[in-house]
Amino acid sequence: MAMVLLGLLTVAIPTVAAEPVSAQTTPTSAPEPLPANGDGGLGHSIQLPNSGRAPVDAGDRGGALQLTLVSLIGLGLLVVGGLAWRDIARSRGRSRKVPPNVRDQRTG
């Protein structure tokens, strides 16, 4: 049931959120010539280290919300891994409690 709901949401959300696209009505101008420095006027697409700005709001890059989200994702992964580890250990423990002759009859 959850997989069906997830599938419906992945199809429904993009179709509802998408805005219609119309043809361009304004004429375009001729492209500007490239500058003489050879980088195409684009500058650096990847910023150099320590060239940005410090986060001001909680939602900025490197702000409190991003750090909290990364921490929650990491904590969630640890919880899931811990639960899987515990379940595997319990299963192995139950398997060891079965007498060897019964265990052999089960497998083959």
Protein backbone atom coordinates (compact mmCIF):
# COMPACT_ATOMS: atom_id res chain seq x y z
CA MET A 1 0.00 0.00 0.00
CA ALA A 2 2.81 2.38 0.87
CA MET A 3 4.60 1.67 -2.41
CA VAL A 4 1.43 2.44 -4.38
CA LEU A 5 1.00 5.72 -2.51
CA LEU A 6 4.65 6.62 -3.09
CA GLY A 7 4.30 5.83 -6.80
CA LEU A 8 1.19 7.98 -7.10
CA LEU A 9 2.90 10.86 -5.32
CA THR A 10 5.95 10.71 -7.58
CA VAL A 11 3.68 10.98 -10.61
CA ALA A 12 1.17 13.48 -9.20
CA ILE A 13 3.47 16.07 -7.62
CA PRO A 14 5.45 16.99 -10.77
CA THR A 15 2.29 17.19 -12.89
CA VAL A 16 0.47 19.44 -10.40
CA ALA A 17 3.50 21.63 -9.66
CA ALA A 18 4.53 22.13 -13.31
CA GLU A 19 3.61 25.43 -14.89
CA PRO A 20 2.64 25.62 -18.56
CA VAL A 21 5.31 26.91 -20.90
CA SER A 22 4.40 29.36 -23.65
CA ALA A 23 6.25 30.48 -26.75
CA GLN A 24 8.63 33.43 -26.49
CA THR A 25 6.90 36.60 -27.69
CA THR A 26 9.72 39.13 -27.37
CA PRO A 27 12.40 39.19 -30.06
CA THR A 28 15.88 38.17 -29.01
CA SER A 29 18.93 40.33 -29.59
CA ALA A 30 22.19 39.25 -31.16
CA PRO A 31 24.63 37.57 -28.77
CA GLU A 32 27.31 39.78 -27.29
CA PRO A 33 30.90 39.11 -28.36
CA LEU A 34 33.14 37.21 -25.94
CA PRO A 35 35.53 39.27 -23.81
CA ALA A 36 39.22 39.19 -24.58
CA ASN A 37 40.19 37.36 -21.35
CA GLY A 38 39.02 34.02 -22.83
CA ASP A 39 36.74 32.83 -20.04
CA GLY A 40 33.58 33.75 -21.92
CA GLY A 41 32.53 36.27 -19.33
CA LEU A 42 31.28 33.50 -17.10
CA GLY A 43 33.87 33.77 -14.37
CA HIS A 44 34.44 30.72 -12.20
CA SER A 45 31.58 28.24 -12.18
CA ILE A 46 33.03 26.68 -9.01
CA GLN A 47 33.91 29.15 -6.30
CA LEU A 48 37.39 29.16 -4.90
CA PRO A 49 37.80 28.02 -1.29
CA ASN A 50 37.01 30.68 1.33
CA SER A 51 35.64 33.06 -1.30
CA GLY A 52 31.98 32.81 -0.26
CA ARG A 53 30.16 34.50 2.56
CA ALA A 54 29.38 33.24 6.03
CA PRO A 55 25.83 32.01 6.64
CA VAL A 56 23.54 34.74 7.96
CA ASP A 57 20.17 32.94 8.16
CA ALA A 58 19.52 29.39 9.31
CA GLY A 59 18.59 28.38 5.73
CA ASP A 60 21.80 29.66 4.10
CA ARG A 61 24.47 27.27 2.84
CA GLY A 62 26.27 25.92 5.89
CA GLY A 63 23.59 27.36 8.17
CA ALA A 64 21.94 25.72 11.14
CA LEU A 65 19.11 24.13 9.12
CA GLN A 66 21.53 22.40 6.74
CA LEU A 67 23.68 21.14 9.58
CA THR A 68 20.61 19.93 11.46
CA LEU A 69 19.33 18.12 8.37
CA VAL A 70 22.64 16.37 7.77
CA SER A 71 22.77 15.38 11.43
CA LEU A 72 19.22 13.97 11.31
CA ILE A 73 19.98 12.01 8.14
CA GLY A 74 23.13 10.58 9.73
CA LEU A 75 21.23 9.72 12.91
CA GLY A 76 18.51 8.03 10.87
CA LEU A 77 21.08 5.92 9.04
CA LEU A 78 22.64 4.91 12.36
CA VAL A 79 19.23 3.92 13.78
CA VAL A 80 18.36 1.83 10.72
CA GLY A 81 21.79 0.18 10.76
CA GLY A 82 21.50 -0.51 14.50
CA LEU A 83 18.05 -2.05 14.13
CA ALA A 84 19.28 -4.25 11.28
CA TRP A 85 22.31 -5.29 13.34
CA ARG A 86 20.08 -6.15 16.31
CA ASP A 87 17.71 -8.18 14.14
CA ILE A 88 20.60 -10.12 12.60
CA ALA A 89 22.03 -10.86 16.06
CA ARG A 90 18.64 -12.06 17.33
CA SER A 91 18.20 -14.28 14.29
CA ARG A 92 21.63 -15.82 14.75
CA GLY A 93 20.90 -16.36 18.44
CA ARG A 94 17.64 -18.16 17.66
CA SER A 95 19.41 -20.29 15.07
CA ARG A 96 22.03 -21.37 17.61
CA LYS A 97 19.36 -22.47 20.11
CA VAL A 98 17.91 -25.05 17.69
CA PRO A 99 19.44 -28.52 18.24
CA PRO A 100 21.79 -29.60 15.42
CA ASN A 101 19.65 -32.56 14.29
CA VAL A 102 16.56 -30.35 13.93
CA ARG A 103 18.57 -27.68 12.12
CA ASP A 104 19.83 -30.28 9.61
CA GLN A 105 16.29 -31.54 8.98
CA ARG A 106 15.11 -27.99 8.25
CA THR A 107 17.75 -27.26 5.61
CA GLY A 108 17.58 -30.34 3.61
